[in-house]
Amino acid sequence: MDGKTALDAASEAAEAGTEAAPPRAVLTDFGGVLTTSVLDSFRSYSARVSEDPLLIERLFREDTEASALLVEHECGRMGEADFERGIAGRLREKGVEVEPAGLVAAIGAGLRPDETMLAALAGLRAKGIPVAIVSNALGDDCYQGYDMEALADVVVISSEIGSRKPGRRIYRTACDRLGVEPSDCVMIDDLEHNLSGAARLGIRGLHHVDSAETARALGELFGVGPLSR
């Protein structure tokens, strides 16, 4: 939705004389929504191994070979060890020497559960609103310590279905498994391009920046009152 939150879209519809029907289900990213910021973790690691805190995110975004490795890994076609060796090689080309083994864990070491968002989703589910986690997997153990089946009604992981965000298939799979139409869903993600991918199926987007604000927006969208604590 090009940076617009679902509440922005609903307000615009109201001003245009139309009223968007309230959503019936939630799709949500994992890392960066149900956890603390992925980019903050990337930047913390980058600062430890180089003088550039944006090193890792620039590598994934701008380096063609690193981007291809990320796609292959997130889609389950490349294991963690091969991915780590490949990324360590790309970093070496940038003049940064790192140990390949454990690289994924080191990059994500700063991630912690976001209790506000976990509570908000639990509050929605308690009111009968179905929730699907839709996540691009980074590493073989990126969900370790989380009971994913307890957090959501449906869990769709890129490496398990061979498709990643922002491609349409992963969102469609989540909707099908929930038994709802894309137009009945709102997608929460901290990356705007993932929301744009969901929007191609008619899924409304909620850009996650602040946990309390996202929880407030969800409460208003679904008419269930405050969800943050």
Protein backbone atom coordinates (compact mmCIF):
# COMPACT_ATOMS: atom_id res chain seq x y z
CA MET A 1 0.00 0.00 0.00
CA ASP A 2 3.02 2.23 -0.58
CA GLY A 3 3.50 3.09 3.09
CA LYS A 4 -0.14 3.62 3.97
CA THR A 5 -1.50 1.87 6.99
CA ALA A 6 -4.79 0.04 6.85
CA LEU A 7 -6.29 2.88 8.90
CA ASP A 8 -5.10 5.40 6.30
CA ALA A 9 -6.81 3.39 3.56
CA ALA A 10 -10.04 3.13 5.53
CA SER A 11 -10.02 6.89 6.18
CA GLU A 12 -9.50 7.63 2.50
CA ALA A 13 -12.35 5.31 1.57
CA ALA A 14 -14.64 7.06 4.03
CA GLU A 15 -13.71 10.47 2.63
CA ALA A 16 -14.46 9.20 -0.89
CA GLY A 17 -17.93 8.16 0.18
CA THR A 18 -17.19 4.45 0.43
CA GLU A 19 -16.60 2.41 3.53
CA ALA A 20 -14.20 -0.50 3.50
CA ALA A 21 -15.62 -3.60 5.12
CA PRO A 22 -13.78 -4.49 8.32
CA PRO A 23 -11.19 -7.25 7.93
CA ARG A 24 -11.89 -10.75 9.20
CA ALA A 25 -8.36 -12.13 9.61
CA VAL A 26 -4.76 -11.11 10.21
CA LEU A 27 -1.60 -12.12 8.39
CA THR A 28 1.57 -11.09 10.16
CA ASP A 29 5.28 -11.15 9.59
CA PHE A 30 7.41 -12.76 12.29
CA GLY A 31 10.85 -11.13 12.51
CA GLY A 32 10.53 -7.41 13.08
CA VAL A 33 6.86 -7.61 14.10
CA LEU A 34 6.60 -10.37 16.68
CA THR A 35 10.23 -9.70 17.57
CA THR A 36 12.27 -6.58 18.01
CA SER A 37 13.65 -4.89 14.90
CA VAL A 38 15.50 -7.10 12.41
CA LEU A 39 17.27 -4.07 10.98
CA ASP A 40 18.49 -3.05 14.43
CA SER A 41 19.98 -6.52 14.85
CA PHE A 42 21.59 -6.34 11.40
CA ARG A 43 23.06 -2.95 12.25
CA SER A 44 24.38 -4.06 15.61
CA TYR A 45 26.19 -7.00 13.99
CA SER A 46 27.49 -4.84 11.13
CA ALA A 47 28.92 -2.33 13.58
CA ARG A 48 30.72 -5.14 15.43
CA VAL A 49 32.47 -6.50 12.34
CA SER A 50 33.01 -3.32 10.32
CA GLU A 51 32.87 0.45 10.40
CA ASP A 52 29.58 0.43 8.47
CA PRO A 53 26.43 -0.29 10.55
CA LEU A 54 24.45 -0.66 7.31
CA LEU A 55 26.80 -3.30 5.88
CA ILE A 56 24.47 -6.33 6.07
CA GLU A 57 21.29 -4.66 4.86
CA ARG A 58 23.17 -3.02 2.00
CA LEU A 59 24.70 -6.38 1.10
CA PHE A 60 21.29 -8.05 0.89
CA ARG A 61 19.74 -5.11 -0.94
CA GLU A 62 22.49 -4.04 -3.34
CA ASP A 63 24.83 -7.00 -3.91
CA THR A 64 23.39 -9.16 -6.69
CA GLU A 65 25.11 -12.37 -5.58
CA ALA A 66 24.16 -11.90 -1.93
CA SER A 67 20.55 -11.17 -2.91
CA ALA A 68 20.44 -14.37 -4.98
CA LEU A 69 21.83 -16.38 -2.06
CA LEU A 70 19.14 -14.92 0.21
CA VAL A 71 16.36 -15.88 -2.20
CA GLU A 72 17.68 -19.44 -2.53
CA HIS A 73 17.98 -19.81 1.23
CA GLU A 74 14.61 -18.28 2.12
CA CYS A 75 12.90 -20.50 -0.46
CA GLY A 76 14.46 -23.61 1.08
CA ARG A 77 16.70 -24.45 -1.85
CA MET A 78 19.92 -23.73 0.04
CA GLY A 79 20.78 -24.88 3.56
CA GLU A 80 22.07 -22.62 6.28
CA ALA A 81 25.70 -23.77 6.06
CA ASP A 82 25.96 -23.10 2.32
CA PHE A 83 24.21 -19.77 2.73
CA GLU A 84 26.62 -18.75 5.49
CA ARG A 85 29.63 -19.68 3.38
CA GLY A 86 28.25 -17.70 0.47
CA ILE A 87 27.52 -14.58 2.52
CA ALA A 88 30.90 -14.78 4.25
CA GLY A 89 32.43 -14.86 0.78
CA ARG A 90 30.51 -11.76 -0.27
CA LEU A 91 31.60 -9.98 2.90
CA ARG A 92 35.18 -10.95 2.16
CA GLU A 93 34.81 -9.20 -1.19
CA LYS A 94 33.89 -6.08 0.79
CA GLY A 95 37.03 -6.42 2.89
CA VAL A 96 35.31 -7.91 5.96
CA GLU A 97 36.49 -11.29 7.27
CA VAL A 98 33.97 -13.28 9.30
CA GLU A 99 33.67 -16.92 10.34
CA PRO A 100 30.97 -18.58 8.20
CA ALA A 101 29.77 -21.05 10.86
CA GLY A 102 27.24 -19.33 13.10
CA LEU A 103 26.95 -16.26 10.87
CA VAL A 104 23.14 -16.34 10.68
CA ALA A 105 22.82 -16.67 14.45
CA ALA A 106 25.28 -13.80 14.95
CA ILE A 107 23.36 -11.53 12.56
CA GLY A 108 20.11 -12.24 14.39
CA ALA A 109 21.52 -12.23 17.91
CA GLY A 110 19.81 -8.96 18.79
CA LEU A 111 16.27 -10.22 18.24
CA ARG A 112 13.96 -10.53 21.23
CA PRO A 113 10.22 -11.30 21.53
CA ASP A 114 7.98 -8.24 21.20
CA GLU A 115 5.62 -8.83 24.10
CA THR A 116 3.25 -6.03 23.09
CA MET A 117 2.63 -7.56 19.66
CA LEU A 118 2.42 -11.11 20.99
CA ALA A 119 -0.22 -9.95 23.48
CA ALA A 120 -2.13 -8.08 20.75
CA LEU A 121 -2.35 -11.16 18.55
CA ALA A 122 -3.37 -13.31 21.50
CA GLY A 123 -6.10 -10.76 22.23
CA LEU A 124 -7.40 -10.93 18.67
CA ARG A 125 -7.46 -14.72 18.67
CA ALA A 126 -9.28 -14.74 22.01
CA LYS A 127 -12.04 -12.78 20.26
CA GLY A 128 -12.26 -15.33 17.44
CA ILE A 129 -10.17 -13.47 14.86
CA PRO A 130 -7.90 -15.92 13.01
CA VAL A 131 -4.20 -15.15 12.66
CA ALA A 132 -1.58 -16.49 10.24
CA ILE A 133 2.17 -15.97 10.56
CA VAL A 134 3.69 -15.41 7.10
CA SER A 135 7.47 -15.40 7.35
CA ASN A 136 10.59 -15.52 5.21
CA ALA A 137 12.91 -17.91 7.05
CA LEU A 138 16.49 -16.84 7.70
CA GLY A 139 18.46 -19.72 9.17
CA ASP A 140 17.47 -23.24 10.15
CA ASP A 141 16.64 -22.28 13.75
CA CYS A 142 15.25 -18.75 13.45
CA TYR A 143 12.05 -19.72 15.28
CA GLN A 144 13.79 -21.57 18.10
CA GLY A 145 12.33 -20.69 21.47
CA TYR A 146 8.92 -19.78 20.02
CA ASP A 147 5.91 -22.12 20.04
CA MET A 148 4.76 -21.10 16.58
CA GLU A 149 1.66 -23.30 16.62
CA ALA A 150 0.54 -21.64 19.84
CA LEU A 151 1.06 -18.13 18.46
CA ALA A 152 -1.18 -18.42 15.40
CA ASP A 153 -3.88 -20.52 13.78
CA VAL A 154 -1.75 -20.98 10.66
CA VAL A 155 2.01 -20.74 10.12
CA VAL A 156 3.36 -20.33 6.57
CA ILE A 157 7.16 -20.38 6.27
CA SER A 158 8.90 -19.53 2.99
CA SER A 159 11.41 -22.38 3.17
CA GLU A 160 8.63 -24.93 3.71
CA ILE A 161 6.52 -23.94 0.69
CA GLY A 162 9.31 -22.77 -1.65
CA SER A 163 7.94 -19.25 -2.01
CA ARG A 164 8.84 -16.01 -0.26
CA LYS A 165 7.44 -12.56 0.30
CA PRO A 166 6.72 -10.39 -1.62
CA GLY A 167 5.62 -13.08 -4.11
CA ARG A 168 1.86 -13.68 -4.23
CA ARG A 169 1.91 -17.41 -3.55
CA ILE A 170 2.92 -17.20 0.11
CA TYR A 171 0.09 -14.79 0.92
CA ARG A 172 -2.42 -16.84 -1.05
CA THR A 173 -1.34 -19.98 0.81
CA ALA A 174 -1.95 -18.27 4.15
CA CYS A 175 -5.40 -17.07 3.09
CA ASP A 176 -6.35 -20.50 1.76
CA ARG A 177 -5.26 -22.21 4.96
CA LEU A 178 -7.26 -19.73 7.04
CA GLY A 179 -10.25 -20.19 4.75
CA VAL A 180 -10.64 -16.47 3.99
CA GLU A 181 -10.44 -14.28 0.91
CA PRO A 182 -7.42 -11.96 0.56
CA SER A 183 -9.74 -8.94 0.58
CA ASP A 184 -10.88 -9.97 4.06
CA CYS A 185 -7.33 -9.83 5.47
CA VAL A 186 -4.90 -7.28 6.79
CA MET A 187 -1.16 -7.95 6.56
CA ILE A 188 1.26 -6.59 9.18
CA ASP A 189 4.88 -6.17 8.11
CA ASP A 190 7.80 -3.91 8.95
CA LEU A 191 8.95 -3.88 5.29
CA GLU A 192 6.82 -1.85 2.92
CA HIS A 193 7.69 -3.89 -0.17
CA ASN A 194 6.14 -6.94 1.49
CA LEU A 195 2.92 -4.98 1.97
CA SER A 196 3.00 -3.98 -1.69
CA GLY A 197 3.26 -7.67 -2.61
CA ALA A 198 0.24 -8.50 -0.46
CA ALA A 199 -1.70 -5.58 -1.93
CA ARG A 200 -1.50 -7.19 -5.39
CA LEU A 201 -3.92 -9.81 -4.05
CA GLY A 202 -6.16 -7.20 -2.45
CA ILE A 203 -4.79 -7.67 1.08
CA ARG A 204 -4.81 -4.50 3.14
CA GLY A 205 -1.49 -3.46 4.68
CA LEU A 206 -0.53 -2.27 8.13
CA HIS A 207 3.04 -0.98 8.19
CA HIS A 208 4.59 -1.88 11.53
CA VAL A 209 6.83 0.80 13.01
CA ASP A 210 5.80 1.00 16.65
CA SER A 211 4.26 -1.87 18.64
CA ALA A 212 1.82 0.22 20.67
CA GLU A 213 0.62 2.01 17.53
CA THR A 214 0.17 -1.26 15.62
CA ALA A 215 -1.78 -2.76 18.52
CA ARG A 216 -3.97 0.34 18.67
CA ALA A 217 -4.60 0.21 14.93
CA LEU A 218 -5.58 -3.46 15.10
CA GLY A 219 -8.01 -2.78 17.92
CA GLU A 220 -9.68 -0.05 15.86
CA LEU A 221 -9.72 -2.05 12.62
CA PHE A 222 -11.43 -5.03 14.23
CA GLY A 223 -13.55 -3.00 16.64
CA VAL A 224 -12.33 -4.91 19.69
CA GLY A 225 -10.90 -2.08 21.77
CA PRO A 226 -7.38 -1.74 23.19
CA LEU A 227 -5.00 -4.66 22.58
CA SER A 228 -1.78 -3.19 23.97
CA ARG A 229 -0.75 -3.44 27.58
